[in-house]
Amino acid sequence: MIQGIFETHINVSDVQASARFYEQLPGVTLLHNDTQRKSRFYWIGQPGTSMLGIRENYPSPLVQRQHFAFTTDVETLYTAADELARLGIAAQNFYGEPVQDVGELIVFPFMPAVSIYFADPDGHSLELIAMLPHPARPEQPLMTWDEWNQRQAQQ
């Protein structure tokens, strides 16, 4: 029955400021601008597979911080922090530490996946996450990308 998540909607304090932020991100394409409802809808990645909606002050003017992750691949993570920096967006790892090197990214062995975090103008927590082609290792703690690769080389 359920095969995935198709759309996510978030409340934003200023739809124009949020639109400028999201529309600069690679892989985000404007689908529809509803000026009456102060809403915009975006294709995320391949059109027709995933959608993000932003709506100003709906259902209330209080913006509660949300979190969602965009799917990506490992190769993209190697350049993501630099690309985000060029857009004026600070990249962080899971612990909120600035990312200077891809080796500092955190791996979630229980999936396994590796990711990078950043925030939109309202402080919503956004993530680029790439699944790894290894077996899940739920018994292992979170670790850096460098530590994960060293462990994989030893196995």
N, C-alpha and C. Protein backbone atom coordinates (compact mmCIF):
# COMPACT_ATOMS: atom_id res chain seq x y z
N MET A 1 0.81 -1.18 0.00
CA MET A 1 0.00 0.00 0.00
C MET A 1 0.87 1.26 0.00
N ILE A 2 1.58 1.58 1.11
CA ILE A 2 2.45 2.76 1.12
C ILE A 2 3.79 2.38 0.51
N GLN A 3 4.23 3.20 -0.45
CA GLN A 3 5.48 2.92 -1.15
C GLN A 3 6.53 3.99 -0.95
N GLY A 4 6.17 5.09 -0.32
CA GLY A 4 7.13 6.16 -0.10
C GLY A 4 6.41 7.42 0.33
N ILE A 5 7.16 8.49 0.48
CA ILE A 5 6.59 9.80 0.80
C ILE A 5 6.68 10.65 -0.45
N PHE A 6 5.54 11.14 -0.91
CA PHE A 6 5.51 11.92 -2.14
C PHE A 6 5.68 13.41 -1.87
N GLU A 7 5.01 13.93 -0.84
CA GLU A 7 5.10 15.37 -0.63
C GLU A 7 5.22 15.73 0.85
N THR A 8 5.87 16.86 1.06
CA THR A 8 6.03 17.45 2.38
C THR A 8 5.67 18.93 2.25
N HIS A 9 4.95 19.45 3.23
CA HIS A 9 4.61 20.87 3.25
C HIS A 9 5.11 21.47 4.55
N ILE A 10 5.64 22.67 4.46
CA ILE A 10 6.11 23.36 5.66
C ILE A 10 5.55 24.77 5.70
N ASN A 11 5.38 25.27 6.92
CA ASN A 11 4.96 26.63 7.17
C ASN A 11 6.21 27.51 7.19
N VAL A 12 6.17 28.63 6.48
CA VAL A 12 7.30 29.56 6.45
C VAL A 12 6.81 30.95 6.85
N SER A 13 7.70 31.78 7.36
CA SER A 13 7.32 33.12 7.80
C SER A 13 7.25 34.12 6.65
N ASP A 14 8.00 33.88 5.58
CA ASP A 14 8.04 34.79 4.43
C ASP A 14 8.21 33.94 3.18
N VAL A 15 7.14 33.77 2.43
CA VAL A 15 7.18 32.87 1.27
C VAL A 15 8.19 33.35 0.22
N GLN A 16 8.36 34.67 0.07
CA GLN A 16 9.32 35.17 -0.92
C GLN A 16 10.76 34.85 -0.52
N ALA A 17 11.09 35.05 0.75
CA ALA A 17 12.45 34.73 1.22
C ALA A 17 12.70 33.23 1.10
N SER A 18 11.73 32.43 1.48
CA SER A 18 11.90 30.97 1.38
C SER A 18 11.99 30.54 -0.07
N ALA A 19 11.22 31.17 -0.95
CA ALA A 19 11.27 30.83 -2.38
C ALA A 19 12.67 31.11 -2.93
N ARG A 20 13.25 32.26 -2.57
CA ARG A 20 14.61 32.57 -3.04
C ARG A 20 15.60 31.50 -2.57
N PHE A 21 15.43 31.03 -1.34
CA PHE A 21 16.32 30.01 -0.79
C PHE A 21 16.16 28.69 -1.56
N TYR A 22 14.95 28.17 -1.63
CA TYR A 22 14.74 26.85 -2.24
C TYR A 22 15.00 26.86 -3.74
N GLU A 23 14.68 27.94 -4.41
CA GLU A 23 14.84 27.99 -5.86
C GLU A 23 16.30 28.06 -6.30
N GLN A 24 17.21 28.32 -5.39
CA GLN A 24 18.63 28.32 -5.73
C GLN A 24 19.26 26.93 -5.58
N LEU A 25 18.58 26.01 -4.90
CA LEU A 25 19.14 24.68 -4.65
C LEU A 25 19.05 23.81 -5.90
N PRO A 26 20.16 23.18 -6.29
CA PRO A 26 20.12 22.28 -7.44
C PRO A 26 19.14 21.13 -7.18
N GLY A 27 18.34 20.79 -8.19
CA GLY A 27 17.39 19.70 -8.07
C GLY A 27 16.02 20.14 -7.58
N VAL A 28 15.84 21.44 -7.34
CA VAL A 28 14.54 21.98 -6.91
C VAL A 28 13.98 22.81 -8.06
N THR A 29 12.79 22.44 -8.53
CA THR A 29 12.18 23.11 -9.68
C THR A 29 10.79 23.61 -9.30
N LEU A 30 10.53 24.88 -9.55
CA LEU A 30 9.21 25.44 -9.25
C LEU A 30 8.14 24.74 -10.08
N LEU A 31 7.13 24.26 -9.42
CA LEU A 31 6.00 23.60 -10.07
C LEU A 31 4.81 24.55 -10.18
N HIS A 32 4.48 25.24 -9.08
CA HIS A 32 3.29 26.10 -9.06
C HIS A 32 3.45 27.18 -8.01
N ASN A 33 3.04 28.40 -8.36
CA ASN A 33 3.04 29.52 -7.43
C ASN A 33 1.60 29.95 -7.21
N ASP A 34 1.08 29.77 -6.02
CA ASP A 34 -0.29 30.14 -5.67
C ASP A 34 -0.22 31.43 -4.86
N THR A 35 -0.32 32.57 -5.53
CA THR A 35 -0.16 33.85 -4.85
C THR A 35 -1.29 34.14 -3.87
N GLN A 36 -2.50 33.65 -4.15
CA GLN A 36 -3.62 33.88 -3.23
C GLN A 36 -3.38 33.23 -1.88
N ARG A 37 -2.86 32.02 -1.88
CA ARG A 37 -2.60 31.31 -0.62
C ARG A 37 -1.17 31.50 -0.12
N LYS A 38 -0.39 32.34 -0.79
CA LYS A 38 1.02 32.56 -0.45
C LYS A 38 1.74 31.22 -0.31
N SER A 39 1.58 30.41 -1.36
CA SER A 39 2.15 29.06 -1.38
C SER A 39 2.93 28.85 -2.68
N ARG A 40 3.95 28.02 -2.57
CA ARG A 40 4.70 27.57 -3.74
C ARG A 40 4.93 26.08 -3.61
N PHE A 41 4.94 25.43 -4.74
CA PHE A 41 5.14 23.99 -4.79
C PHE A 41 6.30 23.69 -5.71
N TYR A 42 7.14 22.75 -5.31
CA TYR A 42 8.37 22.43 -6.04
C TYR A 42 8.48 20.95 -6.30
N TRP A 43 8.99 20.62 -7.48
CA TRP A 43 9.44 19.25 -7.72
C TRP A 43 10.81 19.12 -7.07
N ILE A 44 11.04 18.02 -6.41
CA ILE A 44 12.33 17.72 -5.82
C ILE A 44 12.93 16.56 -6.60
N GLY A 45 14.07 16.81 -7.24
CA GLY A 45 14.65 15.78 -8.11
C GLY A 45 13.85 15.66 -9.39
N GLN A 46 13.64 14.43 -9.84
CA GLN A 46 12.92 14.15 -11.07
C GLN A 46 11.45 14.59 -10.95
N PRO A 47 10.94 15.45 -11.85
CA PRO A 47 9.54 15.86 -11.77
C PRO A 47 8.60 14.65 -11.69
N GLY A 48 7.62 14.78 -10.80
CA GLY A 48 6.63 13.74 -10.64
C GLY A 48 6.95 12.70 -9.60
N THR A 49 8.12 12.80 -8.96
CA THR A 49 8.49 11.77 -7.97
C THR A 49 8.41 12.26 -6.53
N SER A 50 8.62 13.56 -6.30
CA SER A 50 8.61 14.09 -4.94
C SER A 50 8.33 15.58 -4.98
N MET A 51 7.52 16.06 -4.03
CA MET A 51 7.12 17.46 -4.05
C MET A 51 7.28 18.09 -2.66
N LEU A 52 7.70 19.36 -2.66
CA LEU A 52 7.78 20.16 -1.44
C LEU A 52 6.85 21.35 -1.61
N GLY A 53 6.04 21.62 -0.60
CA GLY A 53 5.20 22.81 -0.59
C GLY A 53 5.61 23.73 0.54
N ILE A 54 5.65 25.03 0.25
CA ILE A 54 5.90 26.03 1.30
C ILE A 54 4.69 26.96 1.33
N ARG A 55 4.26 27.32 2.53
CA ARG A 55 3.10 28.19 2.65
C ARG A 55 3.32 29.15 3.81
N GLU A 56 3.12 30.43 3.52
CA GLU A 56 3.36 31.47 4.51
C GLU A 56 2.26 31.50 5.56
N ASN A 57 2.70 31.43 6.83
CA ASN A 57 1.81 31.58 7.98
C ASN A 57 0.60 30.66 7.95
N TYR A 58 0.79 29.43 7.53
CA TYR A 58 -0.32 28.46 7.53
C TYR A 58 0.12 27.19 8.22
N PRO A 59 -0.57 26.71 9.16
CA PRO A 59 -1.90 27.14 9.61
C PRO A 59 -1.88 28.30 10.61
N SER A 60 -0.70 28.78 11.01
CA SER A 60 -0.63 29.92 11.92
C SER A 60 0.65 30.69 11.65
N PRO A 61 0.78 31.89 12.20
CA PRO A 61 2.02 32.65 12.02
C PRO A 61 3.20 32.09 12.81
N LEU A 62 2.94 31.13 13.68
CA LEU A 62 4.02 30.51 14.43
C LEU A 62 4.69 29.45 13.56
N VAL A 63 5.97 29.61 13.35
CA VAL A 63 6.72 28.65 12.53
C VAL A 63 7.46 27.71 13.46
N GLN A 64 7.07 26.47 13.44
CA GLN A 64 7.71 25.45 14.26
C GLN A 64 8.77 24.76 13.42
N ARG A 65 9.97 24.65 13.94
CA ARG A 65 11.08 24.05 13.20
C ARG A 65 10.75 22.60 12.83
N GLN A 66 10.95 22.27 11.57
CA GLN A 66 10.72 20.93 11.05
C GLN A 66 12.04 20.36 10.52
N HIS A 67 12.03 19.09 10.24
CA HIS A 67 13.20 18.43 9.64
C HIS A 67 12.73 17.54 8.51
N PHE A 68 13.46 17.60 7.39
CA PHE A 68 13.25 16.63 6.32
C PHE A 68 14.54 16.47 5.54
N ALA A 69 14.66 15.34 4.88
CA ALA A 69 15.89 14.99 4.16
C ALA A 69 15.62 14.82 2.68
N PHE A 70 16.54 15.33 1.87
CA PHE A 70 16.52 15.13 0.43
C PHE A 70 17.42 13.95 0.09
N THR A 71 16.97 13.08 -0.77
CA THR A 71 17.78 11.96 -1.23
C THR A 71 18.86 12.46 -2.17
N THR A 72 20.06 11.92 -2.02
CA THR A 72 21.15 12.23 -2.94
C THR A 72 22.02 10.99 -3.06
N ASP A 73 23.16 11.12 -3.71
CA ASP A 73 24.09 10.00 -3.80
C ASP A 73 25.41 10.39 -3.15
N VAL A 74 26.22 9.38 -2.88
CA VAL A 74 27.48 9.61 -2.18
C VAL A 74 28.38 10.59 -2.94
N GLU A 75 28.44 10.46 -4.25
CA GLU A 75 29.30 11.34 -5.05
C GLU A 75 28.93 12.81 -4.85
N THR A 76 27.65 13.09 -4.76
CA THR A 76 27.19 14.47 -4.56
C THR A 76 27.65 15.02 -3.22
N LEU A 77 27.70 14.17 -2.20
CA LEU A 77 28.12 14.65 -0.88
C LEU A 77 29.57 15.14 -0.87
N TYR A 78 30.38 14.64 -1.79
CA TYR A 78 31.77 15.08 -1.84
C TYR A 78 31.90 16.56 -2.18
N THR A 79 30.93 17.10 -2.89
CA THR A 79 30.99 18.51 -3.29
C THR A 79 29.88 19.36 -2.66
N ALA A 80 28.98 18.74 -1.91
CA ALA A 80 27.81 19.46 -1.39
C ALA A 80 28.17 20.62 -0.48
N ALA A 81 29.10 20.43 0.45
CA ALA A 81 29.45 21.51 1.37
C ALA A 81 30.00 22.72 0.62
N ASP A 82 30.85 22.48 -0.39
CA ASP A 82 31.39 23.59 -1.18
C ASP A 82 30.30 24.27 -1.99
N GLU A 83 29.40 23.46 -2.56
CA GLU A 83 28.32 24.04 -3.36
C GLU A 83 27.37 24.86 -2.48
N LEU A 84 27.05 24.35 -1.30
CA LEU A 84 26.21 25.11 -0.38
C LEU A 84 26.91 26.39 0.05
N ALA A 85 28.21 26.33 0.33
CA ALA A 85 28.97 27.53 0.72
C ALA A 85 28.92 28.59 -0.38
N ARG A 86 29.03 28.16 -1.65
CA ARG A 86 28.93 29.11 -2.77
C ARG A 86 27.57 29.81 -2.79
N LEU A 87 26.54 29.13 -2.25
CA LEU A 87 25.20 29.72 -2.18
C LEU A 87 24.98 30.51 -0.89
N GLY A 88 26.04 30.59 -0.05
CA GLY A 88 25.94 31.31 1.21
C GLY A 88 25.25 30.50 2.30
N ILE A 89 25.25 29.18 2.17
CA ILE A 89 24.58 28.29 3.12
C ILE A 89 25.63 27.48 3.86
N ALA A 90 25.59 27.53 5.18
CA ALA A 90 26.55 26.79 6.01
C ALA A 90 26.14 25.33 6.12
N ALA A 91 27.08 24.43 5.87
CA ALA A 91 26.84 22.99 5.99
C ALA A 91 27.38 22.49 7.32
N GLN A 92 26.66 21.53 7.90
CA GLN A 92 27.06 20.96 9.18
C GLN A 92 26.92 19.45 9.13
N ASN A 93 27.57 18.79 10.06
CA ASN A 93 27.34 17.35 10.20
C ASN A 93 26.21 17.14 11.22
N PHE A 94 25.92 15.90 11.54
CA PHE A 94 24.83 15.54 12.45
C PHE A 94 24.95 16.22 13.81
N TYR A 95 26.17 16.45 14.26
CA TYR A 95 26.41 17.05 15.57
C TYR A 95 26.41 18.58 15.54
N GLY A 96 26.11 19.17 14.39
CA GLY A 96 26.07 20.62 14.28
C GLY A 96 27.42 21.26 14.08
N GLU A 97 28.43 20.44 13.80
CA GLU A 97 29.78 20.95 13.57
C GLU A 97 29.94 21.37 12.11
N PRO A 98 30.60 22.50 11.85
CA PRO A 98 30.82 22.91 10.47
C PRO A 98 31.59 21.84 9.70
N VAL A 99 31.23 21.66 8.45
CA VAL A 99 31.88 20.65 7.62
C VAL A 99 32.93 21.32 6.75
N GLN A 100 34.18 21.01 7.02
CA GLN A 100 35.29 21.50 6.20
C GLN A 100 35.76 20.43 5.23
N ASP A 101 35.51 19.17 5.60
CA ASP A 101 35.99 18.03 4.82
C ASP A 101 34.92 16.95 4.85
N VAL A 102 34.73 16.27 3.74
CA VAL A 102 33.70 15.23 3.66
C VAL A 102 33.93 14.11 4.68
N GLY A 103 35.16 13.91 5.09
CA GLY A 103 35.46 12.89 6.09
C GLY A 103 34.82 13.14 7.44
N GLU A 104 34.40 14.41 7.69
CA GLU A 104 33.77 14.77 8.95
C GLU A 104 32.27 14.49 8.97
N LEU A 105 31.71 14.11 7.83
CA LEU A 105 30.28 13.77 7.80
C LEU A 105 30.03 12.56 8.67
N ILE A 106 28.83 12.45 9.17
CA ILE A 106 28.50 11.36 10.09
C ILE A 106 27.73 10.26 9.35
N VAL A 107 28.13 9.02 9.61
CA VAL A 107 27.48 7.84 9.04
C VAL A 107 26.55 7.26 10.09
N PHE A 108 25.37 6.86 9.66
CA PHE A 108 24.38 6.18 10.50
C PHE A 108 24.43 4.70 10.14
N PRO A 109 25.22 3.90 10.86
CA PRO A 109 25.42 2.50 10.50
C PRO A 109 24.13 1.67 10.49
N PHE A 110 23.13 2.05 11.27
CA PHE A 110 21.90 1.25 11.32
C PHE A 110 21.14 1.25 10.00
N MET A 111 21.46 2.18 9.07
CA MET A 111 20.77 2.22 7.77
C MET A 111 21.51 1.41 6.69
N PRO A 112 22.70 1.59 6.34
CA PRO A 112 23.63 2.68 6.61
C PRO A 112 23.44 3.82 5.61
N ALA A 113 23.74 5.04 6.08
CA ALA A 113 23.63 6.23 5.26
C ALA A 113 24.60 7.29 5.79
N VAL A 114 24.94 8.24 4.94
CA VAL A 114 25.81 9.36 5.30
C VAL A 114 25.08 10.63 4.87
N SER A 115 25.27 11.72 5.66
CA SER A 115 24.50 12.91 5.32
C SER A 115 25.20 14.20 5.71
N ILE A 116 24.63 15.29 5.20
CA ILE A 116 25.08 16.65 5.49
C ILE A 116 23.84 17.48 5.79
N TYR A 117 23.94 18.42 6.71
CA TYR A 117 22.79 19.22 7.16
C TYR A 117 22.99 20.69 6.84
N PHE A 118 21.86 21.39 6.66
CA PHE A 118 21.86 22.84 6.50
C PHE A 118 20.47 23.33 6.89
N ALA A 119 20.28 24.65 6.94
CA ALA A 119 19.00 25.20 7.40
C ALA A 119 18.45 26.19 6.38
N ASP A 120 17.11 26.29 6.34
CA ASP A 120 16.47 27.28 5.48
C ASP A 120 16.27 28.57 6.27
N PRO A 121 15.69 29.62 5.67
CA PRO A 121 15.56 30.91 6.37
C PRO A 121 14.76 30.86 7.67
N ASP A 122 13.88 29.88 7.84
CA ASP A 122 13.11 29.76 9.07
C ASP A 122 13.74 28.79 10.07
N GLY A 123 14.92 28.28 9.76
CA GLY A 123 15.59 27.35 10.66
C GLY A 123 15.14 25.91 10.52
N HIS A 124 14.34 25.62 9.48
CA HIS A 124 13.99 24.22 9.23
C HIS A 124 15.28 23.46 8.95
N SER A 125 15.42 22.30 9.55
CA SER A 125 16.60 21.46 9.39
C SER A 125 16.47 20.64 8.12
N LEU A 126 17.37 20.86 7.19
CA LEU A 126 17.37 20.14 5.91
C LEU A 126 18.58 19.23 5.87
N GLU A 127 18.43 18.12 5.19
CA GLU A 127 19.50 17.12 5.14
C GLU A 127 19.61 16.60 3.72
N LEU A 128 20.83 16.40 3.28
CA LEU A 128 21.10 15.62 2.07
C LEU A 128 21.59 14.27 2.56
N ILE A 129 20.90 13.20 2.20
CA ILE A 129 21.26 11.88 2.72
C ILE A 129 21.46 10.89 1.57
N ALA A 130 22.52 10.11 1.69
CA ALA A 130 22.84 9.09 0.68
C ALA A 130 22.90 7.73 1.37
N MET A 131 22.14 6.80 0.85
CA MET A 131 22.22 5.42 1.36
C MET A 131 23.55 4.82 0.88
N LEU A 132 24.11 3.97 1.71
CA LEU A 132 25.39 3.33 1.39
C LEU A 132 25.14 1.88 0.95
N PRO A 133 25.98 1.36 0.07
CA PRO A 133 25.77 0.01 -0.48
C PRO A 133 26.36 -1.10 0.40
N HIS A 134 26.27 -0.93 1.69
CA HIS A 134 26.81 -1.91 2.63
C HIS A 134 25.68 -2.48 3.46
N PRO A 135 25.92 -3.61 4.12
CA PRO A 135 24.90 -4.13 5.03
C PRO A 135 24.73 -3.20 6.24
N ALA A 136 23.52 -3.15 6.75
CA ALA A 136 23.26 -2.36 7.96
C ALA A 136 24.06 -2.93 9.12
N ARG A 137 24.55 -2.04 9.97
CA ARG A 137 25.33 -2.43 11.13
C ARG A 137 24.76 -1.72 12.37
N PRO A 138 23.56 -2.14 12.82
CA PRO A 138 22.92 -1.44 13.93
C PRO A 138 23.68 -1.53 15.24
N GLU A 139 24.59 -2.46 15.35
CA GLU A 139 25.37 -2.59 16.59
C GLU A 139 26.49 -1.55 16.67
N GLN A 140 26.80 -0.89 15.57
CA GLN A 140 27.88 0.09 15.57
C GLN A 140 27.34 1.49 15.89
N PRO A 141 28.13 2.30 16.57
CA PRO A 141 27.70 3.66 16.89
C PRO A 141 27.83 4.57 15.67
N LEU A 142 27.24 5.75 15.77
CA LEU A 142 27.47 6.76 14.73
C LEU A 142 28.96 7.02 14.65
N MET A 143 29.43 7.30 13.45
CA MET A 143 30.86 7.54 13.26
C MET A 143 31.07 8.46 12.08
N THR A 144 32.29 8.98 11.95
CA THR A 144 32.59 9.84 10.82
C THR A 144 32.70 9.01 9.54
N TRP A 145 32.59 9.69 8.44
CA TRP A 145 32.74 9.06 7.13
C TRP A 145 34.12 8.41 7.00
N ASP A 146 35.16 9.08 7.49
CA ASP A 146 36.51 8.50 7.47
C ASP A 146 36.57 7.21 8.27
N GLU A 147 35.99 7.21 9.49
CA GLU A 147 35.99 6.00 10.32
C GLU A 147 35.22 4.86 9.64
N TRP A 148 34.08 5.20 9.04
CA TRP A 148 33.27 4.18 8.34
C TRP A 148 34.09 3.54 7.22
N ASN A 149 34.74 4.37 6.42
CA ASN A 149 35.52 3.84 5.29
C ASN A 149 36.68 2.98 5.77
N GLN A 150 37.30 3.36 6.88
CA GLN A 150 38.39 2.53 7.44
C GLN A 150 37.86 1.18 7.89
N ARG A 151 36.71 1.16 8.54
CA ARG A 151 36.11 -0.10 8.98
C ARG A 151 35.71 -0.98 7.80
N GLN A 152 35.18 -0.36 6.75
CA GLN A 152 34.78 -1.13 5.57
C GLN A 152 35.99 -1.75 4.89
N ALA A 153 37.11 -1.03 4.89
CA ALA A 153 38.34 -1.55 4.26
C ALA A 153 38.90 -2.73 5.05
N GLN A 154 38.65 -2.79 6.36
CA GLN A 154 39.15 -3.86 7.21
C GLN A 154 38.27 -5.12 7.14
N GLN A 155 37.08 -5.01 6.61
CA GLN A 155 36.17 -6.16 6.59
C GLN A 155 36.27 -6.95 5.31
